[in-house]
Amino acid sequence: MSNLDLSLYQTSEKLSAQQKKFNRLLEKIEQLETMLEEWQQAQKKVQQNANDELFPLYCQWHQVLFNQLETLWQYKNTHKIARTYLEHLDEKISILASQLLDNPNLSTEQHELVVNVAQSYELIEESSHIEGENVHNFDHLHQADDADGMMQNQVMKEILAEQFGVPVDWLDFDLDIDNLDDFMQKVKDKLDREEADFIKNQLNDKERDEYQKFAEKEKKKILKKQAQLEEAKKMAELSLKKIYLKIAALIHPDREQDEQKRIEKTELLQKANAALEEKDLLALLKLRIFTAQGDQEQATKIANEHLKSYNLLLEEKVEKLQFEIDDIVYSFDWIGSGFYKQRFKPVDLTKKYQRDLAEIREKLLNDEKRLNDYKDFDSLKILLKSKAFSWSFE
């Protein structure tokens, strides 16, 4: 190991509990930072691929579903169909209309037909249609350039709704694909509120009092930890200059007679200067510990002065990094794509995307075939005899 490596304490048997914890946290942070970068790169690549491939396929699929609706609706109004089979046809039409309502991939004319069909099956009220139609026409007149963005947002909402196991209209807040973190936080907040309301509604008076006491106790713990973190941050800010000056005093190259050691100390001091300028407490602390190697008494003093507070900050950083990773990992529907692992790797995201892409391609092909079958009335009559006709989406 080079002298320039920012090594941690090397003799673990002489370390205090705080020093050992510090080492573990540093290693954990380095692992999580690497993992987060890998997930971010994988997510960015998948999102770009989705924009180029997945979303256009969803747009094509929605157009095919509309063509199915249009064909079946025309048959209903122009052909005589037996009552038994008509029930199957009505159910299929109503399902397609429900699926296509407010779909941004449809034109104004297509939207009008969907609304008319939905009204005939009492899926929506006429008054809400008039208002919605005006808004829809306004959107098409003044927001045509945003059609692609609307389509992407709608598809993303559908995907997220499926992942969370909620109806699409439950996600009653705006989705900005460029700011998914804000959207996911709103989802989390709403889920938390509904969970809390559900728990309260299931408790009797005694249980509700106990739950309230527990909640207050947990809140105090959180507030106490927040106060400790704030104090640790203040200490860290005050310590930056103090730690830097100590490092500079110990390794200043002008005091070194050996040329090779002078070069090494110059490089170390440059690292310290950069860390001070960037207010990188972690880098400064690692340098400070490095300069104290060989002096166990001095290392212990550093631990007593700084490490307990710094470890609180490092724990907070570990939690934040893990949350950022989990936020990416669990923003995807793994089970729906056939993944049943407990732990996922970035490479799994690429595999999942390929499966999702294959699935929408298969849906598109199947529904294109169904559309061709529907266009032949004789073929349609054969299909209508099947009780499963109305649910034939897969």
Protein backbone atom coordinates (compact mmCIF):
# COMPACT_ATOMS: atom_id res chain seq x y z
CA MET A 1 0.00 0.00 0.00
CA SER A 2 1.39 3.40 -1.03
CA ASN A 3 2.18 6.06 1.52
CA LEU A 4 -0.29 8.25 -0.36
CA ASP A 5 -3.20 5.91 0.24
CA LEU A 6 -5.68 7.53 2.61
CA SER A 7 -5.53 4.53 4.88
CA LEU A 8 -7.64 4.07 7.98
CA TYR A 9 -6.36 2.73 11.28
CA GLN A 10 -4.29 -0.34 10.47
CA THR A 11 -3.96 -2.03 13.85
CA SER A 12 -7.56 -2.98 14.55
CA GLU A 13 -6.81 -4.65 17.85
CA LYS A 14 -5.84 -1.25 19.33
CA LEU A 15 -8.87 0.64 18.07
CA SER A 16 -11.61 2.10 20.21
CA ALA A 17 -15.25 1.24 19.51
CA GLN A 18 -15.76 4.61 17.78
CA GLN A 19 -12.70 4.12 15.60
CA LYS A 20 -13.87 0.66 14.51
CA LYS A 21 -17.32 2.05 13.79
CA PHE A 22 -15.76 4.87 11.79
CA ASN A 23 -13.85 2.37 9.64
CA ARG A 24 -16.95 0.25 9.04
CA LEU A 25 -19.01 3.28 8.06
CA LEU A 26 -16.38 4.55 5.64
CA GLU A 27 -16.21 1.18 3.92
CA LYS A 28 -20.00 1.04 3.77
CA ILE A 29 -20.23 4.52 2.28
CA GLU A 30 -17.69 3.70 -0.42
CA GLN A 31 -19.62 0.54 -1.32
CA LEU A 32 -22.95 2.37 -1.42
CA GLU A 33 -21.58 5.27 -3.48
CA THR A 34 -20.29 2.83 -6.08
CA MET A 35 -23.58 0.93 -6.06
CA LEU A 36 -25.64 4.14 -6.37
CA GLU A 37 -23.60 5.30 -9.36
CA GLU A 38 -24.13 1.93 -11.06
CA TRP A 39 -27.90 2.09 -10.44
CA GLN A 40 -28.11 5.69 -11.67
CA GLN A 41 -26.30 4.78 -14.87
CA ALA A 42 -28.55 1.74 -15.40
CA GLN A 43 -31.69 3.81 -14.70
CA LYS A 44 -30.60 6.56 -17.10
CA LYS A 45 -29.93 4.04 -19.85
CA VAL A 46 -33.28 2.30 -19.33
CA GLN A 47 -35.18 5.61 -19.29
CA GLN A 48 -33.52 6.64 -22.55
CA ASN A 49 -34.33 3.28 -24.11
CA ALA A 50 -37.91 3.59 -22.88
CA ASN A 51 -38.26 7.00 -24.53
CA ASP A 52 -36.90 5.59 -27.79
CA GLU A 53 -38.66 2.21 -27.81
CA LEU A 54 -41.12 1.44 -25.02
CA PHE A 55 -43.28 4.59 -25.04
CA PRO A 56 -43.77 4.60 -28.85
CA LEU A 57 -44.87 0.96 -28.63
CA TYR A 58 -47.40 1.85 -25.93
CA CYS A 59 -48.67 4.62 -28.22
CA GLN A 60 -49.08 2.13 -31.09
CA TRP A 61 -50.82 -0.34 -28.77
CA HIS A 62 -53.31 2.29 -27.60
CA GLN A 63 -54.09 3.12 -31.22
CA VAL A 64 -54.75 -0.56 -31.94
CA LEU A 65 -57.07 -0.76 -28.92
CA PHE A 66 -58.92 2.30 -30.20
CA ASN A 67 -59.30 0.69 -33.61
CA GLN A 68 -60.74 -2.37 -31.88
CA LEU A 69 -63.22 -0.17 -30.01
CA GLU A 70 -64.20 1.70 -33.17
CA THR A 71 -64.73 -1.55 -35.12
CA LEU A 72 -66.79 -3.23 -32.41
CA TRP A 73 -68.86 -0.09 -31.77
CA GLN A 74 -69.67 0.15 -35.47
CA TYR A 75 -70.80 -3.49 -35.56
CA LYS A 76 -73.03 -2.91 -32.53
CA ASN A 77 -74.81 -0.07 -34.32
CA THR A 78 -75.01 -1.57 -37.81
CA HIS A 79 -75.33 -5.36 -37.40
CA LYS A 80 -77.88 -7.60 -35.81
CA ILE A 81 -76.28 -9.66 -33.03
CA ALA A 82 -77.91 -12.29 -30.83
CA ARG A 83 -78.69 -11.10 -27.28
CA THR A 84 -76.35 -13.66 -25.65
CA TYR A 85 -73.42 -12.60 -27.81
CA LEU A 86 -74.37 -8.95 -27.52
CA GLU A 87 -73.65 -9.10 -23.78
CA HIS A 88 -70.12 -10.27 -24.54
CA LEU A 89 -69.70 -7.52 -27.11
CA ASP A 90 -71.00 -4.82 -24.75
CA GLU A 91 -68.66 -5.92 -22.00
CA LYS A 92 -65.67 -5.84 -24.33
CA ILE A 93 -66.61 -2.39 -25.66
CA SER A 94 -67.06 -0.97 -22.15
CA ILE A 95 -63.68 -2.35 -21.06
CA LEU A 96 -61.95 -0.79 -24.06
CA ALA A 97 -63.71 2.54 -23.48
CA SER A 98 -62.67 2.57 -19.81
CA GLN A 99 -59.10 1.79 -20.75
CA LEU A 100 -58.93 4.56 -23.36
CA LEU A 101 -60.67 7.37 -21.45
CA ASP A 102 -58.40 10.41 -21.06
CA ASN A 103 -55.66 8.66 -23.01
CA PRO A 104 -53.29 11.38 -24.35
CA ASN A 105 -52.34 9.23 -27.35
CA LEU A 106 -55.75 9.79 -28.96
CA SER A 107 -56.73 12.64 -31.28
CA THR A 108 -59.63 14.97 -30.53
CA GLU A 109 -61.94 12.99 -32.80
CA GLN A 110 -60.89 9.69 -31.26
CA HIS A 111 -61.40 11.08 -27.77
CA GLU A 112 -64.91 12.22 -28.69
CA LEU A 113 -65.85 8.72 -29.83
CA VAL A 114 -64.46 7.15 -26.64
CA VAL A 115 -66.45 9.61 -24.53
CA ASN A 116 -69.64 8.94 -26.49
CA VAL A 117 -69.20 5.19 -26.02
CA ALA A 118 -68.43 5.67 -22.31
CA GLN A 119 -71.58 7.77 -21.89
CA SER A 120 -73.72 5.12 -23.54
CA TYR A 121 -72.49 2.59 -20.99
CA GLU A 122 -72.84 5.14 -18.16
CA LEU A 123 -69.12 5.04 -17.45
CA ILE A 124 -69.12 8.84 -17.11
CA GLU A 125 -71.75 11.55 -16.67
CA GLU A 126 -72.66 13.79 -19.59
CA SER A 127 -71.99 17.03 -17.64
CA SER A 128 -68.48 15.93 -16.77
CA HIS A 129 -67.95 15.03 -20.43
CA ILE A 130 -68.89 18.55 -21.63
CA GLU A 131 -66.41 20.12 -19.24
CA GLY A 132 -63.78 17.48 -19.98
CA GLU A 133 -64.28 17.83 -23.73
CA ASN A 134 -63.72 21.59 -23.59
CA VAL A 135 -60.53 21.07 -21.63
CA HIS A 136 -59.47 18.29 -23.99
CA ASN A 137 -60.05 20.49 -27.08
CA PHE A 138 -58.20 23.37 -25.43
CA ASP A 139 -55.28 21.06 -24.71
CA HIS A 140 -55.11 19.87 -28.30
CA LEU A 141 -55.23 23.44 -29.61
CA HIS A 142 -52.66 24.91 -27.25
CA GLN A 143 -50.51 21.98 -26.14
CA ALA A 144 -49.91 19.95 -29.29
CA ASP A 145 -46.18 20.23 -28.82
CA ASP A 146 -46.53 18.54 -25.43
CA ALA A 147 -48.26 15.43 -26.77
CA ASP A 148 -45.18 13.25 -26.45
CA GLY A 149 -44.62 14.41 -22.88
CA MET A 150 -48.25 13.79 -21.95
CA MET A 151 -48.09 10.32 -23.44
CA GLN A 152 -44.94 9.50 -21.51
CA ASN A 153 -46.43 10.84 -18.27
CA GLN A 154 -49.63 8.82 -18.74
CA VAL A 155 -47.74 5.62 -19.50
CA MET A 156 -45.45 6.20 -16.55
CA LYS A 157 -48.47 6.79 -14.29
CA GLU A 158 -50.04 3.56 -15.50
CA ILE A 159 -46.83 1.67 -14.81
CA LEU A 160 -46.40 3.22 -11.34
CA ALA A 161 -50.06 2.62 -10.47
CA GLU A 162 -49.63 -1.04 -11.33
CA GLN A 163 -46.48 -1.24 -9.22
CA PHE A 164 -48.17 0.30 -6.18
CA GLY A 165 -51.35 -1.70 -6.71
CA VAL A 166 -53.56 1.40 -6.90
CA PRO A 167 -55.92 2.82 -9.57
CA VAL A 168 -54.37 5.38 -11.92
CA ASP A 169 -56.71 8.10 -10.62
CA TRP A 170 -55.35 7.48 -7.09
CA LEU A 171 -52.19 9.20 -8.33
CA ASP A 172 -53.99 12.55 -8.26
CA PHE A 173 -50.91 14.75 -8.55
CA ASP A 174 -48.79 15.83 -11.49
CA LEU A 175 -45.99 13.62 -12.76
CA ASP A 176 -42.82 15.21 -14.09
CA ILE A 177 -40.60 12.51 -15.61
CA ASP A 178 -37.59 14.78 -15.07
CA ASN A 179 -38.39 15.01 -11.35
CA LEU A 180 -39.45 11.52 -10.29
CA ASP A 181 -38.06 12.03 -6.78
CA ASP A 182 -40.73 14.65 -6.02
CA PHE A 183 -43.48 12.41 -7.44
CA MET A 184 -42.29 9.37 -5.47
CA GLN A 185 -42.20 11.45 -2.28
CA LYS A 186 -45.83 12.48 -2.86
CA VAL A 187 -46.77 8.83 -3.38
CA LYS A 188 -44.95 7.84 -0.19
CA ASP A 189 -46.61 10.64 1.80
CA LYS A 190 -50.08 9.65 0.60
CA LEU A 191 -49.46 5.96 1.33
CA ASP A 192 -48.20 6.87 4.81
CA ARG A 193 -51.30 9.01 5.49
CA GLU A 194 -53.67 6.31 4.35
CA GLU A 195 -51.82 3.68 6.36
CA ALA A 196 -52.00 5.85 9.49
CA ASP A 197 -55.70 6.53 8.94
CA PHE A 198 -56.36 2.84 8.40
CA ILE A 199 -54.53 1.88 11.61
CA LYS A 200 -56.42 4.50 13.63
CA ASN A 201 -59.78 3.38 12.28
CA GLN A 202 -59.07 -0.22 13.28
CA LEU A 203 -58.23 0.57 16.91
CA ASN A 204 -60.51 0.89 19.91
CA ASP A 205 -60.13 3.78 22.38
CA LYS A 206 -57.56 2.03 24.56
CA GLU A 207 -55.52 0.84 21.59
CA ARG A 208 -55.72 4.31 20.02
CA ASP A 209 -54.33 5.90 23.22
CA GLU A 210 -51.49 3.37 23.28
CA TYR A 211 -50.78 3.97 19.63
CA GLN A 212 -50.74 7.74 20.22
CA LYS A 213 -48.25 7.34 23.10
CA PHE A 214 -46.09 5.12 20.93
CA ALA A 215 -46.22 7.63 18.07
CA GLU A 216 -45.26 10.50 20.39
CA LYS A 217 -42.39 8.48 21.81
CA GLU A 218 -41.11 7.71 18.31
CA LYS A 219 -41.46 11.37 17.38
CA LYS A 220 -39.31 12.37 20.38
CA LYS A 221 -36.66 9.87 19.30
CA ILE A 222 -36.62 11.36 15.82
CA LEU A 223 -36.41 14.92 17.16
CA LYS A 224 -33.58 13.93 19.50
CA LYS A 225 -31.64 12.35 16.67
CA GLN A 226 -32.22 15.42 14.52
CA ALA A 227 -30.87 17.62 17.30
CA GLN A 228 -27.81 15.38 17.64
CA LEU A 229 -27.21 15.57 13.91
CA GLU A 230 -27.50 19.36 13.92
CA GLU A 231 -24.99 19.55 16.76
CA ALA A 232 -22.66 17.19 14.93
CA LYS A 233 -22.89 19.30 11.77
CA LYS A 234 -22.04 22.45 13.73
CA MET A 235 -19.06 20.72 15.28
CA ALA A 236 -17.94 19.46 11.89
CA GLU A 237 -18.12 22.96 10.40
CA LEU A 238 -16.06 24.42 13.26
CA SER A 239 -13.57 21.55 13.06
CA LEU A 240 -12.77 21.86 9.33
CA LYS A 241 -10.21 24.63 9.76
CA LYS A 242 -8.84 23.14 12.98
CA ILE A 243 -8.26 19.73 11.37
CA TYR A 244 -6.71 21.30 8.27
CA LEU A 245 -4.25 23.37 10.33
CA LYS A 246 -3.21 20.28 12.28
CA ILE A 247 -2.61 18.35 9.05
CA ALA A 248 -0.61 21.21 7.55
CA ALA A 249 1.52 21.47 10.69
CA LEU A 250 2.30 17.74 10.64
CA ILE A 251 3.07 17.25 6.93
CA HIS A 252 4.21 20.65 5.66
CA PRO A 253 6.80 19.81 2.96
CA ASP A 254 9.04 22.81 3.74
CA ARG A 255 10.08 21.07 6.97
CA GLU A 256 11.03 17.82 5.23
CA GLN A 257 14.70 17.23 4.31
CA ASP A 258 14.20 14.00 2.35
CA GLU A 259 13.30 14.81 -1.28
CA GLN A 260 11.03 11.80 -1.83
CA LYS A 261 9.14 12.42 1.40
CA ARG A 262 8.85 16.11 0.48
CA ILE A 263 7.14 15.13 -2.78
CA GLU A 264 4.77 12.80 -0.94
CA LYS A 265 3.91 15.42 1.67
CA THR A 266 3.35 18.03 -1.03
CA GLU A 267 0.81 15.76 -2.66
CA LEU A 268 -0.87 15.11 0.70
CA LEU A 269 -1.05 18.85 1.43
CA GLN A 270 -2.59 19.46 -2.00
CA LYS A 271 -5.28 16.91 -1.13
CA ALA A 272 -5.87 18.69 2.17
CA ASN A 273 -6.14 22.09 0.41
CA ALA A 274 -8.69 20.68 -2.04
CA ALA A 275 -10.68 19.05 0.77
CA LEU A 276 -10.78 22.34 2.73
CA GLU A 277 -11.89 24.31 -0.32
CA GLU A 278 -14.70 21.79 -1.00
CA LYS A 279 -15.56 21.51 2.71
CA ASP A 280 -15.03 17.76 2.41
CA LEU A 281 -14.92 16.79 6.07
CA LEU A 282 -14.61 13.11 5.29
CA ALA A 283 -11.47 13.56 3.18
CA LEU A 284 -9.89 15.83 5.80
CA LEU A 285 -10.64 13.41 8.59
CA LYS A 286 -9.13 10.50 6.64
CA LEU A 287 -6.01 12.60 6.03
CA ARG A 288 -5.88 13.56 9.70
CA ILE A 289 -6.05 9.94 10.79
CA PHE A 290 -3.39 9.05 8.25
CA THR A 291 -1.03 11.66 9.70
CA ALA A 292 -1.58 10.24 13.19
CA GLN A 293 -0.50 6.70 12.31
CA GLY A 294 2.21 5.42 14.59
CA ASP A 295 1.03 7.58 17.45
CA GLN A 296 -1.75 5.63 19.18
CA GLU A 297 -2.20 8.27 21.87
CA GLN A 298 -2.76 10.97 19.24
CA ALA A 299 -5.14 8.72 17.27
CA THR A 300 -7.17 8.07 20.40
CA LYS A 301 -7.33 11.80 21.07
CA ILE A 302 -8.70 12.37 17.56
CA ALA A 303 -11.32 9.72 18.18
CA ASN A 304 -12.36 11.26 21.48
CA GLU A 305 -12.60 14.75 19.98
CA HIS A 306 -14.26 14.05 16.69
CA LEU A 307 -15.33 10.53 15.83
CA LYS A 308 -18.49 10.22 17.90
CA SER A 309 -20.06 13.23 16.20
CA TYR A 310 -18.66 12.30 12.80
CA ASN A 311 -20.05 8.81 13.07
CA LEU A 312 -23.53 10.28 13.46
CA LEU A 313 -23.01 12.15 10.20
CA LEU A 314 -21.66 9.05 8.50
CA GLU A 315 -24.65 7.01 9.68
CA GLU A 316 -26.92 9.67 8.21
CA LYS A 317 -25.02 9.47 4.93
CA VAL A 318 -25.31 5.67 4.88
CA GLU A 319 -29.08 5.94 5.39
CA LYS A 320 -29.39 8.56 2.67
CA LEU A 321 -27.35 6.54 0.16
CA GLN A 322 -29.33 3.39 0.91
CA PHE A 323 -32.60 5.30 0.52
CA GLU A 324 -31.46 6.71 -2.84
CA ILE A 325 -30.60 3.20 -4.03
CA ASP A 326 -33.87 1.72 -2.76
CA ASP A 327 -35.77 4.61 -4.35
CA ILE A 328 -34.41 3.56 -7.74
CA VAL A 329 -34.67 -0.20 -7.19
CA TYR A 330 -38.25 -0.25 -5.91
CA SER A 331 -39.56 2.28 -8.41
CA PHE A 332 -39.78 -0.71 -10.78
CA ASP A 333 -42.28 -3.56 -10.77
CA TRP A 334 -39.96 -6.55 -10.46
CA ILE A 335 -42.58 -9.18 -9.67
CA GLY A 336 -44.72 -8.09 -12.62
CA SER A 337 -41.71 -8.69 -14.84
CA GLY A 338 -41.06 -12.15 -13.41
CA PHE A 339 -38.29 -11.31 -10.91
CA TYR A 340 -38.61 -12.83 -7.45
CA LYS A 341 -35.22 -12.00 -5.95
CA GLN A 342 -34.76 -10.33 -2.60
CA ARG A 343 -31.69 -8.42 -3.76
CA PHE A 344 -31.30 -6.85 -7.17
CA LYS A 345 -28.29 -5.73 -9.17
CA PRO A 346 -28.11 -3.02 -11.85
CA VAL A 347 -27.75 -5.70 -14.53
CA ASP A 348 -31.19 -7.00 -13.49
CA LEU A 349 -32.71 -3.67 -14.57
CA THR A 350 -31.51 -4.21 -18.12
CA LYS A 351 -32.95 -7.73 -18.09
CA LYS A 352 -36.25 -6.40 -16.73
CA TYR A 353 -36.45 -3.77 -19.44
CA GLN A 354 -35.90 -6.38 -22.13
CA ARG A 355 -38.72 -8.49 -20.66
CA ASP A 356 -41.05 -5.46 -20.50
CA LEU A 357 -40.17 -4.56 -24.07
CA ALA A 358 -40.87 -8.11 -25.22
CA GLU A 359 -44.19 -8.07 -23.32
CA ILE A 360 -45.51 -4.88 -24.96
CA ARG A 361 -44.39 -6.12 -28.36
CA GLU A 362 -46.31 -9.33 -27.77
CA LYS A 363 -49.40 -7.40 -26.63
CA LEU A 364 -49.17 -5.23 -29.71
CA LEU A 365 -48.90 -8.22 -32.04
CA ASN A 366 -51.74 -10.09 -30.31
CA ASP A 367 -54.08 -7.10 -30.40
CA GLU A 368 -53.21 -6.36 -34.02
CA LYS A 369 -54.21 -9.95 -34.80
CA ARG A 370 -57.45 -9.54 -32.81
CA LEU A 371 -58.18 -6.33 -34.69
CA ASN A 372 -57.85 -8.17 -37.98
CA ASP A 373 -60.20 -10.87 -36.66
CA TYR A 374 -62.72 -8.24 -35.53
CA LYS A 375 -62.76 -6.62 -38.97
CA ASP A 376 -64.10 -9.90 -40.41
CA PHE A 377 -67.65 -10.10 -39.04
CA ASP A 378 -67.85 -13.86 -39.55
CA SER A 379 -64.69 -14.31 -37.49
CA LEU A 380 -66.06 -11.94 -34.85
CA LYS A 381 -69.25 -14.00 -34.49
CA ILE A 382 -67.15 -17.08 -33.76
CA LEU A 383 -65.17 -15.16 -31.13
CA LEU A 384 -68.33 -13.81 -29.51
CA LYS A 385 -69.39 -17.34 -28.65
CA SER A 386 -66.54 -17.51 -26.15
CA LYS A 387 -67.40 -16.31 -22.63
CA ALA A 388 -63.80 -15.13 -22.29
CA PHE A 389 -64.10 -12.84 -25.31
CA SER A 390 -64.50 -9.64 -23.35
CA TRP A 391 -61.38 -10.31 -21.25
CA SER A 392 -59.08 -11.30 -24.12
CA PHE A 393 -56.30 -8.83 -23.51
CA GLU A 394 -53.36 -11.17 -23.03
